[in-house]
Amino acid sequence: MSGCTRARFFKTRTLGAKCMTKGRIRIERDGQILRVRKPHTEIRIGDKMTFTLGDRLVHIEILAAGKRRGPASEAHKLYSECVSAT
């Protein structure tokens, strides 16, 4: 996911890439839902992402793009977790 946030949700890039190539990550942008199938997919501020982490379904909204890889406290400022209505 080039040119995007520097927040990491998967332990390794390989695990993240496998999740993408299997179509397990979705992006909601401009009212459309897109399945992410390639690691270089561009993520934009305002995009909402849905993916699984273990047995947990995660919904986040991208708030900002990171300029560098930093500590987790910095990465958490780049996104917010969305609360599911169900």
Protein backbone atom coordinates (compact mmCIF):
# COMPACT_ATOMS: atom_id res chain seq x y z
CA MET A 1 0.00 0.00 0.00
CA SER A 2 2.30 2.68 -1.29
CA GLY A 3 2.27 6.33 -0.36
CA CYS A 4 0.06 5.61 2.60
CA THR A 5 0.03 5.43 6.32
CA ARG A 6 2.92 3.90 8.15
CA ALA A 7 0.73 2.04 10.60
CA ARG A 8 1.23 -1.70 10.67
CA PHE A 9 -1.67 -4.04 11.42
CA PHE A 10 -0.01 -7.32 10.49
CA LYS A 11 3.08 -8.72 12.17
CA THR A 12 4.95 -8.98 8.87
CA ARG A 13 4.62 -7.60 5.36
CA THR A 14 4.25 -11.16 4.11
CA LEU A 15 1.16 -11.77 6.27
CA GLY A 16 -0.35 -8.46 5.12
CA ALA A 17 0.34 -9.27 1.48
CA LYS A 18 -1.24 -12.73 1.82
CA CYS A 19 -4.35 -11.20 3.32
CA MET A 20 -4.55 -8.77 0.38
CA THR A 21 -3.99 -11.30 -2.36
CA LYS A 22 -6.78 -13.44 -0.87
CA GLY A 23 -9.12 -10.44 -1.11
CA ARG A 24 -9.62 -10.15 2.65
CA ILE A 25 -9.09 -6.40 2.82
CA ARG A 26 -11.76 -3.97 1.62
CA ILE A 27 -11.60 -0.22 1.13
CA GLU A 28 -14.65 2.01 1.12
CA ARG A 29 -14.01 5.13 -0.96
CA ASP A 30 -16.56 7.58 -2.34
CA GLY A 31 -19.41 5.18 -1.57
CA GLN A 32 -17.79 2.27 -3.41
CA ILE A 33 -16.35 -0.83 -1.78
CA LEU A 34 -13.16 -2.15 -3.38
CA ARG A 35 -11.37 -5.41 -2.60
CA VAL A 36 -7.63 -4.92 -2.23
CA ARG A 37 -5.72 -7.60 -4.10
CA LYS A 38 -2.29 -5.98 -4.49
CA PRO A 39 0.06 -4.60 -1.82
CA HIS A 40 0.76 -1.45 -3.84
CA THR A 41 -2.89 -0.31 -3.73
CA GLU A 42 -3.01 3.40 -2.84
CA ILE A 43 -4.73 4.28 0.42
CA ARG A 44 -6.09 7.83 0.77
CA ILE A 45 -7.03 9.98 3.71
CA GLY A 46 -10.72 9.39 4.39
CA ASP A 47 -10.70 5.80 3.15
CA LYS A 48 -12.36 3.25 5.41
CA MET A 49 -10.75 -0.17 5.57
CA THR A 50 -12.18 -3.47 6.76
CA PHE A 51 -10.08 -6.57 7.38
CA THR A 52 -9.70 -9.45 9.80
CA LEU A 53 -7.00 -9.71 12.44
CA GLY A 54 -7.11 -13.20 13.87
CA ASP A 55 -10.76 -13.76 14.76
CA ARG A 56 -11.53 -10.03 15.01
CA LEU A 57 -13.13 -7.91 12.27
CA VAL A 58 -11.45 -4.49 12.17
CA HIS A 59 -12.97 -1.29 10.69
CA ILE A 60 -10.72 1.78 10.50
CA GLU A 61 -10.77 5.21 8.88
CA ILE A 62 -7.53 6.73 7.58
CA LEU A 63 -7.00 10.16 9.16
CA ALA A 64 -3.49 11.08 7.98
CA ALA A 65 -0.49 9.76 6.07
CA GLY A 66 2.72 9.02 7.91
CA LYS A 67 5.98 10.47 6.71
CA ARG A 68 8.16 7.92 8.46
CA ARG A 69 7.95 4.67 10.34
CA GLY A 70 7.67 5.62 13.98
CA PRO A 71 6.47 4.31 17.32
CA ALA A 72 3.02 2.81 17.82
CA SER A 73 1.84 5.94 19.64
CA GLU A 74 2.48 7.94 16.46
CA ALA A 75 0.90 5.31 14.21
CA HIS A 76 -2.34 5.34 16.24
CA LYS A 77 -2.84 8.99 15.30
CA LEU A 78 -3.01 8.05 11.62
CA TYR A 79 -6.29 6.15 11.88
CA SER A 80 -9.37 5.73 14.04
CA GLU A 81 -11.27 2.53 14.71
CA CYS A 82 -14.88 2.69 13.56
CA VAL A 83 -17.53 1.29 15.85
CA SER A 84 -19.75 -1.29 14.20
CA ALA A 85 -23.51 -0.75 14.44
CA THR A 86 -24.09 -4.48 14.97
